[in-house]
Every structure is written in C-alpha cells, then in structure tokens.
Amino acid sequence: MYVVSKELEIKGFSIISIDDLIARNNGSSSFNTMEYFVIVIVFEKTKIIVEGRTYYIEANNLVYIAPYKNVIYEFWDPQNTIVAFSSSFYEKSAKDSFILNSELFFNDLQDIFISQPIGNSEALKGLIIDRINLYKEKDFGIYTSVAHNCVEILLLDGLLRLEESSFEKVNHHSTYLEKVNKFRVLLQKNFKKEKSVSYYSEQLNISPQRLSVMTKTVLGKGAKKIVVDKVASEAQKMLENSTLNISEIAFELGFHDEANFSTFVKKNLGKSPTEMREFLLNSAKNTN
C-alpha cells in the first residue's frame, strides 16, 4: 500500500485512519494494495478510484479491495479507516480461505465490493476500532486474536450482503437470459455485417456495458468476446471447409480487405489464414 508499516509487515495486520495513511505515504493519496487484502470503513461519503474506475461511496459502508489493486482516494473524511491484512494473518481454516477467495474480493464485474455493515457507524466504531485500539498495547497473542475476530466480523458482514445480492441476481437471471438469447439470435443473423457491441445493444435497447454485464452473468464472458469468438469460429470453419480463397472468405465475413481479415485471424486463432488453412487440412488428413 505504501512503505509498509512494521505492524503490517510483522503482524500481517494494520488499522489506520486515512489521514495517517496518506501522511505516511508522503502526502500522496495513490496506493497499491500489494499482497494485502483491504477493507475501507467509510464513516463519511468518499470518492475512490480503483484500477481507473471511479466509485462514490456513501457513509456507513464497507469497501472490500483485493490485493494488487491501484487505489486513489480522491476525497475522504479523517474518520474513514483502512484495515489491511495478509492472507497468512487471516487464514486459519478452510472456511477462512473460502471467504478470502469469494466474490467479496474477486469479482469479475468490478474491482471492489461495497456493503453496508450490520449496525450504525457508532456501533461499528465501538465493535471494531475502539476494541482493536484497546488491545493494541496488550500481549501480542491477545492483540492478534482480537484483530482476527474483528476482521472476521467485517468479512462476515460483507459475506451476508453478498449472499443477499446473489439472491437478487437469481431473480434478475431470467431477464438476463432472455436478453442474452435475443443477442445471440441477432448475432447469428448479423455477425457478417455488424461486429460492434453497440449495434446489438441498440437493438436490445440497453447500453453496451449493460449487455456485457448480462452476457458475463449468463455465459461467463463479455459481449465483445462473444462477437469475436463467433466471427473467429466462422472464419475457422470456412478456412477448413470452403473452396473460396482467403480474399473471398474475408469479403464473405464482412471484412473490408484481406489484410484486416488476416490481422483478425492471426490475433484470435494464433496463425495467419494461410497457416490456419494448411494446419486444419493437415489435421483432417491425419485423422482419416
């Protein structure tokens, strides 16, 4: 996150106010989380940028940030608090490992997870911050046990909200599935002429970003990847089975010229069209 504090380095755990964190970072509000898991306790509204994406976080929220993320705190409240810890500090059981590797920290759709804690800000201060500070100067073993318990409270709060969010996603799934199926039908009809995600999203009356969220939820990949995979698959079939030459195949698939087609095939299939055709024909001979 910065020049790692001795506490974080030795104990694998640290809790610090945002003001103190920035002061320790020579006044810079830009950080990398390095190998540490981070939970930001937001007492007052704040703005953060994670991996180039801006998030406005309302008061009384928890923000979960995975290791090796670039973070910028654009504006903040001095009360806002950063909890950082290593996997070796928290993982004591298979359950702990499950929580750390859940969508709390590793989510394909966004770089952070935002969750409301159970209880208000005052309860959170008393339960987490005041308790940790109370034991900070006590026996090392007692302090780390208290810190571990407090981290677990924060993680379980987030996990509860994550499960609630997953339930809502199930209710949305039928709508997503319907849209994605329509997208696939449109793609089958139009992929030779239309290769931009925006074309298909316009036909479905949704934004390109929304379409990608839907395809990722249903199919596990974004809309652009689905379009590219469709065109690449058809190109491979035609190179293997068609009697058309490469220039004719490029025209048939809607490319402006053979050079653009060759670049596309090389990028997505790993070989030039000529090499791919030879490879596919030789493979077919060897299997006969």
Protein backbone atom coordinates (compact mmCIF):
# COMPACT_ATOMS: atom_id res chain seq x y z
CA MET A 1 0.00 0.00 0.00
CA TYR A 2 2.93 2.33 0.74
CA VAL A 3 6.16 1.91 2.62
CA VAL A 4 4.79 -0.98 4.61
CA SER A 5 4.47 -0.26 8.33
CA LYS A 6 6.30 -2.51 10.77
CA GLU A 7 2.97 -3.58 12.22
CA LEU A 8 1.68 -4.75 8.85
CA GLU A 9 4.97 -6.39 7.95
CA ILE A 10 5.46 -8.20 11.26
CA LYS A 11 1.88 -8.92 12.35
CA GLY A 12 0.27 -9.12 8.93
CA PHE A 13 -2.40 -6.70 10.12
CA SER A 14 -2.82 -2.94 10.36
CA ILE A 15 -5.61 -0.49 11.11
CA ILE A 16 -5.04 3.19 10.34
CA SER A 17 -7.05 6.32 9.61
CA ILE A 18 -6.99 7.60 6.05
CA ASP A 19 -5.27 10.82 7.17
CA ASP A 20 -2.45 8.91 8.86
CA LEU A 21 -2.15 6.58 5.88
CA ILE A 22 -1.70 9.48 3.45
CA ALA A 23 0.75 11.21 5.79
CA ARG A 24 2.80 8.02 5.91
CA ASN A 25 2.70 7.96 2.11
CA ASN A 26 4.39 11.40 1.96
CA GLY A 27 1.09 13.15 1.28
CA SER A 28 0.17 11.03 -1.72
CA SER A 29 -3.33 9.51 -1.87
CA SER A 30 -2.32 6.94 -4.50
CA PHE A 31 -1.59 3.39 -3.35
CA ASN A 32 -1.20 -0.18 -4.49
CA THR A 33 -2.64 -2.78 -2.14
CA MET A 34 0.30 -5.12 -2.86
CA GLU A 35 -0.27 -8.59 -1.36
CA TYR A 36 -2.72 -7.30 1.26
CA PHE A 37 -6.49 -7.52 1.49
CA VAL A 38 -8.03 -4.15 2.33
CA ILE A 39 -11.32 -3.17 3.93
CA VAL A 40 -12.15 0.54 3.94
CA ILE A 41 -14.54 1.55 6.73
CA VAL A 42 -16.37 4.57 5.32
CA PHE A 43 -17.92 6.74 8.01
CA GLU A 44 -18.47 9.74 5.74
CA LYS A 45 -19.05 9.95 1.99
CA THR A 46 -15.89 9.41 -0.03
CA LYS A 47 -14.67 9.05 -3.59
CA ILE A 48 -12.10 6.46 -4.59
CA ILE A 49 -10.65 5.34 -7.91
CA VAL A 50 -9.73 1.67 -8.23
CA GLU A 51 -7.95 0.45 -11.37
CA GLY A 52 -9.05 3.64 -13.14
CA ARG A 53 -12.73 3.32 -12.28
CA THR A 54 -14.40 5.91 -10.02
CA TYR A 55 -16.65 4.96 -7.12
CA TYR A 56 -18.67 7.31 -4.89
CA ILE A 57 -19.17 5.60 -1.56
CA GLU A 58 -21.94 6.74 0.76
CA ALA A 59 -21.45 7.00 4.52
CA ASN A 60 -21.66 3.88 6.70
CA ASN A 61 -20.34 1.42 4.14
CA LEU A 62 -17.57 -1.14 3.90
CA VAL A 63 -15.41 -1.39 0.78
CA TYR A 64 -13.56 -4.63 0.06
CA ILE A 65 -10.47 -4.35 -2.17
CA ALA A 66 -8.36 -7.29 -3.33
CA PRO A 67 -4.55 -7.49 -3.38
CA TYR A 68 -2.55 -5.79 -6.14
CA LYS A 69 -5.10 -3.09 -6.94
CA ASN A 70 -4.20 0.51 -7.71
CA VAL A 71 -6.24 2.83 -5.48
CA ILE A 72 -6.57 6.63 -5.35
CA TYR A 73 -8.50 8.39 -2.59
CA GLU A 74 -9.94 11.50 -4.29
CA PHE A 75 -11.67 12.94 -1.24
CA TRP A 76 -12.24 11.49 2.19
CA ASP A 77 -13.14 12.09 5.81
CA PRO A 78 -10.45 11.83 8.51
CA GLN A 79 -12.61 9.26 10.32
CA ASN A 80 -12.52 6.84 7.41
CA THR A 81 -10.36 3.89 8.37
CA ILE A 82 -8.25 1.38 6.44
CA VAL A 83 -7.96 -2.21 7.64
CA ALA A 84 -5.23 -4.16 5.83
CA PHE A 85 -4.20 -7.76 6.40
CA SER A 86 -2.35 -10.60 4.72
CA SER A 87 -3.83 -13.97 3.83
CA SER A 88 -1.45 -15.66 6.27
CA PHE A 89 -2.78 -13.44 9.08
CA TYR A 90 -6.42 -14.35 8.47
CA GLU A 91 -6.41 -17.89 7.06
CA LYS A 92 -6.69 -20.31 9.95
CA SER A 93 -9.16 -22.76 8.41
CA ALA A 94 -10.74 -23.85 5.12
CA LYS A 95 -13.66 -21.53 5.90
CA ASP A 96 -11.28 -18.56 6.14
CA SER A 97 -9.77 -19.46 2.78
CA PHE A 98 -13.24 -19.68 1.23
CA ILE A 99 -14.15 -16.20 2.47
CA LEU A 100 -10.94 -14.59 1.21
CA ASN A 101 -11.34 -16.17 -2.22
CA SER A 102 -15.03 -15.31 -2.55
CA GLU A 103 -16.61 -12.56 -4.64
CA LEU A 104 -16.06 -10.20 -1.72
CA PHE A 105 -12.61 -9.62 -3.18
CA PHE A 106 -12.57 -11.40 -6.53
CA ASN A 107 -15.46 -10.27 -8.69
CA ASP A 108 -15.35 -10.45 -12.50
CA LEU A 109 -17.68 -7.48 -12.90
CA GLN A 110 -15.94 -4.87 -10.73
CA ASP A 111 -12.78 -4.32 -8.73
CA ILE A 112 -14.44 -3.68 -5.36
CA PHE A 113 -17.42 -4.86 -3.36
CA ILE A 114 -19.44 -2.31 -1.37
CA SER A 115 -21.53 -3.44 1.58
CA GLN A 116 -23.45 -1.88 4.44
CA PRO A 117 -22.38 -3.24 7.82
CA ILE A 118 -24.81 -4.58 10.37
CA GLY A 119 -25.37 -1.65 12.72
CA ASN A 120 -24.69 2.07 12.52
CA SER A 121 -21.39 3.96 12.48
CA GLU A 122 -21.17 4.29 16.27
CA ALA A 123 -21.70 0.56 16.75
CA LEU A 124 -19.02 -0.14 14.15
CA LYS A 125 -16.54 2.17 15.85
CA GLY A 126 -17.12 0.54 19.20
CA LEU A 127 -17.09 -3.01 17.89
CA ILE A 128 -14.04 -2.72 15.64
CA ILE A 129 -11.86 0.37 16.03
CA ASP A 130 -12.19 1.02 19.76
CA ARG A 131 -11.78 -2.67 20.57
CA ILE A 132 -8.62 -3.04 18.47
CA ASN A 133 -7.11 0.14 19.93
CA LEU A 134 -7.92 -1.08 23.44
CA TYR A 135 -5.85 -4.23 22.92
CA LYS A 136 -3.12 -2.67 20.78
CA GLU A 137 -0.61 -2.41 23.60
CA LYS A 138 -1.55 -5.73 25.19
CA ASP A 139 0.05 -9.13 24.77
CA PHE A 140 0.87 -9.84 21.09
CA GLY A 141 -1.12 -13.08 21.04
CA ILE A 142 -4.23 -11.47 22.56
CA TYR A 143 -4.00 -8.48 20.21
CA THR A 144 -3.76 -10.63 17.07
CA SER A 145 -6.70 -12.76 18.27
CA VAL A 146 -8.84 -9.66 18.79
CA ALA A 147 -7.74 -8.24 15.42
CA HIS A 148 -8.55 -11.54 13.71
CA ASN A 149 -12.02 -11.59 15.29
CA CYS A 150 -12.67 -8.00 14.21
CA VAL A 151 -11.59 -8.74 10.63
CA GLU A 152 -13.87 -11.76 10.66
CA ILE A 153 -16.82 -9.60 11.73
CA LEU A 154 -16.19 -7.26 8.80
CA LEU A 155 -15.84 -10.16 6.37
CA LEU A 156 -18.97 -11.93 7.59
CA ASP A 157 -20.97 -8.70 7.30
CA GLY A 158 -19.83 -8.43 3.70
CA LEU A 159 -20.49 -12.10 3.02
CA LEU A 160 -24.07 -11.73 4.27
CA ARG A 161 -24.66 -8.79 1.91
CA LEU A 162 -23.01 -10.73 -0.90
CA GLU A 163 -25.41 -13.62 -0.42
CA GLU A 164 -28.37 -11.22 -0.42
CA SER A 165 -27.02 -9.67 -3.62
CA SER A 166 -26.65 -13.12 -5.19
CA PHE A 167 -30.30 -13.86 -4.38
CA GLU A 168 -31.32 -10.67 -6.19
CA LYS A 169 -29.19 -11.73 -9.16
CA VAL A 170 -31.12 -15.00 -9.39
CA ASN A 171 -34.35 -13.02 -9.71
CA HIS A 172 -32.76 -10.97 -12.49
CA HIS A 173 -31.36 -14.05 -14.22
CA SER A 174 -34.48 -14.81 -16.25
CA THR A 175 -34.47 -11.26 -17.66
CA TYR A 176 -30.75 -11.54 -18.39
CA LEU A 177 -31.24 -14.91 -20.09
CA GLU A 178 -33.99 -13.53 -22.30
CA LYS A 179 -31.83 -10.58 -23.40
CA VAL A 180 -28.77 -12.75 -23.97
CA ASN A 181 -30.77 -15.20 -26.08
CA LYS A 182 -32.06 -12.33 -28.22
CA PHE A 183 -28.49 -11.07 -28.55
CA ARG A 184 -27.31 -14.47 -29.76
CA VAL A 185 -30.10 -14.65 -32.33
CA LEU A 186 -29.24 -11.16 -33.59
CA LEU A 187 -25.56 -12.07 -33.70
CA GLN A 188 -26.24 -15.20 -35.74
CA LYS A 189 -28.19 -13.15 -38.28
CA ASN A 190 -25.88 -10.13 -38.47
CA PHE A 191 -22.32 -11.06 -37.47
CA LYS A 192 -21.02 -10.79 -41.04
CA LYS A 193 -22.11 -7.15 -41.31
CA GLU A 194 -22.22 -5.97 -37.69
CA LYS A 195 -19.31 -6.63 -35.36
CA SER A 196 -19.70 -3.82 -32.81
CA VAL A 197 -21.34 -4.43 -29.43
CA SER A 198 -23.09 -1.05 -29.68
CA TYR A 199 -25.11 -2.25 -32.68
CA TYR A 200 -26.54 -5.17 -30.74
CA SER A 201 -27.12 -3.18 -27.55
CA GLU A 202 -29.09 -0.60 -29.55
CA GLN A 203 -31.30 -3.34 -30.97
CA LEU A 204 -31.95 -4.54 -27.42
CA ASN A 205 -32.48 -1.00 -26.01
CA ILE A 206 -29.72 -1.33 -23.42
CA SER A 207 -26.22 0.11 -23.08
CA PRO A 208 -23.16 -1.85 -24.29
CA GLN A 209 -21.95 -2.04 -20.69
CA ARG A 210 -25.28 -3.48 -19.54
CA LEU A 211 -25.23 -6.07 -22.30
CA SER A 212 -21.76 -7.16 -21.23
CA VAL A 213 -22.88 -7.48 -17.61
CA MET A 214 -25.73 -9.72 -18.79
CA THR A 215 -23.54 -11.91 -21.01
CA LYS A 216 -20.93 -12.26 -18.27
CA THR A 217 -23.61 -13.32 -15.80
CA VAL A 218 -25.20 -15.86 -18.16
CA LEU A 219 -22.30 -17.01 -20.35
CA GLY A 220 -19.23 -16.04 -18.35
CA LYS A 221 -17.78 -13.62 -20.91
CA GLY A 222 -18.39 -10.10 -22.19
CA ALA A 223 -20.39 -9.21 -25.29
CA LYS A 224 -17.32 -8.16 -27.29
CA LYS A 225 -15.64 -11.52 -26.63
CA ILE A 226 -18.79 -13.33 -27.77
CA VAL A 227 -18.84 -11.38 -31.04
CA VAL A 228 -15.13 -12.00 -31.63
CA ASP A 229 -15.46 -15.71 -30.83
CA LYS A 230 -18.39 -16.04 -33.24
CA VAL A 231 -16.52 -14.42 -36.13
CA ALA A 232 -13.32 -16.38 -35.35
CA SER A 233 -15.28 -19.65 -35.24
CA GLU A 234 -16.93 -18.98 -38.60
CA ALA A 235 -13.57 -17.98 -40.10
CA GLN A 236 -12.04 -21.24 -38.93
CA LYS A 237 -14.92 -23.26 -40.40
CA MET A 238 -14.64 -21.52 -43.75
CA LEU A 239 -10.86 -21.88 -43.90
CA GLU A 240 -11.26 -25.61 -43.31
CA ASN A 241 -14.32 -26.39 -45.40
CA SER A 242 -14.82 -23.68 -48.02
CA THR A 243 -13.39 -23.71 -51.55
CA LEU A 244 -13.24 -19.90 -51.51
CA ASN A 245 -9.82 -18.29 -51.46
CA ILE A 246 -8.74 -16.19 -48.47
CA SER A 247 -9.68 -12.88 -50.07
CA GLU A 248 -13.16 -14.23 -50.86
CA ILE A 249 -13.60 -15.56 -47.33
CA ALA A 250 -12.63 -12.15 -45.94
CA PHE A 251 -15.27 -10.49 -48.13
CA GLU A 252 -17.87 -13.11 -47.20
CA LEU A 253 -17.31 -12.44 -43.49
CA GLY A 254 -17.68 -8.69 -43.92
CA PHE A 255 -14.05 -7.57 -43.72
CA HIS A 256 -13.06 -4.60 -45.87
CA ASP A 257 -9.94 -6.27 -47.18
CA GLU A 258 -7.80 -9.35 -46.82
CA ALA A 259 -5.23 -7.55 -44.64
CA ASN A 260 -7.81 -6.76 -41.92
CA PHE A 261 -9.06 -10.33 -42.05
CA SER A 262 -5.52 -11.70 -41.77
CA THR A 263 -4.80 -9.50 -38.75
CA PHE A 264 -8.03 -10.66 -37.08
CA VAL A 265 -7.32 -14.35 -37.71
CA LYS A 266 -3.71 -14.09 -36.54
CA LYS A 267 -4.78 -12.31 -33.34
CA ASN A 268 -7.64 -14.64 -32.44
CA LEU A 269 -6.63 -18.01 -33.89
CA GLY A 270 -2.87 -17.71 -33.49
CA LYS A 271 -1.98 -18.29 -37.15
CA SER A 272 -2.31 -16.43 -40.43
CA PRO A 273 -5.24 -17.53 -42.64
CA THR A 274 -2.87 -19.46 -44.93
CA GLU A 275 -1.17 -21.18 -41.99
CA MET A 276 -4.50 -21.94 -40.36
CA ARG A 277 -5.93 -23.44 -43.56
CA GLU A 278 -2.88 -25.66 -44.00
CA PHE A 279 -2.95 -26.70 -40.35
CA LEU A 280 -6.66 -27.59 -40.46
CA LEU A 281 -6.37 -29.52 -43.73
CA ASN A 282 -3.34 -31.47 -42.47
CA SER A 283 -5.13 -32.25 -39.20
CA ALA A 284 -8.11 -33.56 -41.15
CA LYS A 285 -5.85 -35.80 -43.27
CA ASN A 286 -4.12 -37.20 -40.20
CA THR A 287 -7.41 -38.19 -38.59
CA ASN A 288 -8.63 -40.02 -41.71
